[in-house]
């Protein structure tokens, strides 16, 4: 039985302390080879940091 790869896009405004939160509509996404995804956000007042988590399910 094979596994599927899944992704979550998360962000935080405080890099040293962590506190990563999933971005609405950008979490628990199954990888599909022919699918392209992008995320565009408004320019925030403060710095915002992003990361992508990948896992097998």
C-alpha atoms as a PDB file:
ATOM      1  CA  UNK A   1       0.000   0.000   0.000  1.00  0.00           C
ATOM      2  CA  UNK A   2       1.491   3.342  -1.068  1.00  0.00           C
ATOM      3  CA  UNK A   3       1.533   6.589   0.781  1.00  0.00           C
ATOM      4  CA  UNK A   4       0.475  10.024  -0.388  1.00  0.00           C
ATOM      5  CA  UNK A   5       2.395  13.209   0.271  1.00  0.00           C
ATOM      6  CA  UNK A   6       0.476  15.995   2.038  1.00  0.00           C
ATOM      7  CA  UNK A   7       1.415  19.653   2.579  1.00  0.00           C
ATOM      8  CA  UNK A   8       0.585  22.466   4.999  1.00  0.00           C
ATOM      9  CA  UNK A   9       1.465  26.141   4.535  1.00  0.00           C
ATOM     10  CA  UNK A  10       1.981  27.858   7.891  1.00  0.00           C
ATOM     11  CA  UNK A  11       2.976  31.323   9.023  1.00  0.00           C
ATOM     12  CA  UNK A  12       4.093  33.229  12.099  1.00  0.00           C
ATOM     13  CA  UNK A  13       4.914  36.841  12.914  1.00  0.00           C
ATOM     14  CA  UNK A  14       7.474  35.925  15.583  1.00  0.00           C
ATOM     15  CA  UNK A  15      10.176  33.661  14.184  1.00  0.00           C
ATOM     16  CA  UNK A  16      12.174  33.090  17.440  1.00  0.00           C
ATOM     17  CA  UNK A  17       9.144  31.965  19.456  1.00  0.00           C
ATOM     18  CA  UNK A  18       7.529  29.875  16.718  1.00  0.00           C
ATOM     19  CA  UNK A  19       3.770  29.752  17.144  1.00  0.00           C
ATOM     20  CA  UNK A  20       3.225  28.474  13.612  1.00  0.00           C
ATOM     21  CA  UNK A  21      -0.399  28.483  12.434  1.00  0.00           C
ATOM     22  CA  UNK A  22      -1.901  26.878   9.363  1.00  0.00           C
ATOM     23  CA  UNK A  23      -3.130  29.288   6.715  1.00  0.00           C
ATOM     24  CA  UNK A  24      -6.847  28.962   5.994  1.00  0.00           C
ATOM     25  CA  UNK A  25      -7.396  26.906   2.857  1.00  0.00           C
ATOM     26  CA  UNK A  26      -3.683  26.042   2.578  1.00  0.00           C
ATOM     27  CA  UNK A  27      -3.430  23.032   4.906  1.00  0.00           C
ATOM     28  CA  UNK A  28      -3.959  19.302   4.547  1.00  0.00           C
ATOM     29  CA  UNK A  29      -3.357  19.443   0.784  1.00  0.00           C
ATOM     30  CA  UNK A  30      -2.673  16.176  -1.003  1.00  0.00           C
ATOM     31  CA  UNK A  31       0.086  16.364  -3.613  1.00  0.00           C
ATOM     32  CA  UNK A  32      -1.112  15.876  -7.158  1.00  0.00           C
ATOM     33  CA  UNK A  33       1.587  15.862  -9.853  1.00  0.00           C
ATOM     34  CA  UNK A  34      -0.426  17.968 -12.314  1.00  0.00           C
ATOM     35  CA  UNK A  35      -1.646  20.531  -9.776  1.00  0.00           C
ATOM     36  CA  UNK A  36      -0.029  23.938  -9.212  1.00  0.00           C
ATOM     37  CA  UNK A  37      -0.905  25.953  -6.118  1.00  0.00           C
ATOM     38  CA  UNK A  38      -0.002  29.456  -5.090  1.00  0.00           C
ATOM     39  CA  UNK A  39      -0.788  31.680  -2.149  1.00  0.00           C
ATOM     40  CA  UNK A  40      -1.044  35.452  -2.428  1.00  0.00           C
ATOM     41  CA  UNK A  41      -1.529  37.543   0.669  1.00  0.00           C
ATOM     42  CA  UNK A  42      -2.014  41.227   1.373  1.00  0.00           C
ATOM     43  CA  UNK A  43       1.072  43.144   2.449  1.00  0.00           C
ATOM     44  CA  UNK A  44       1.152  42.821   6.254  1.00  0.00           C
ATOM     45  CA  UNK A  45       1.999  45.690   8.623  1.00  0.00           C
ATOM     46  CA  UNK A  46       4.587  43.476  10.379  1.00  0.00           C
ATOM     47  CA  UNK A  47       7.030  40.888   9.077  1.00  0.00           C
ATOM     48  CA  UNK A  48       5.499  37.489   8.377  1.00  0.00           C
ATOM     49  CA  UNK A  49       7.416  34.244   7.996  1.00  0.00           C
ATOM     50  CA  UNK A  50       6.250  31.154   6.108  1.00  0.00           C
ATOM     51  CA  UNK A  51       7.086  27.460   6.077  1.00  0.00           C
ATOM     52  CA  UNK A  52       5.799  24.396   4.293  1.00  0.00           C
ATOM     53  CA  UNK A  53       5.375  21.113   6.131  1.00  0.00           C
ATOM     54  CA  UNK A  54       5.391  17.877   4.132  1.00  0.00           C
ATOM     55  CA  UNK A  55       4.351  14.461   5.427  1.00  0.00           C
ATOM     56  CA  UNK A  56       3.365  11.013   4.245  1.00  0.00           C
ATOM     57  CA  UNK A  57      -0.058   9.650   5.034  1.00  0.00           C
END
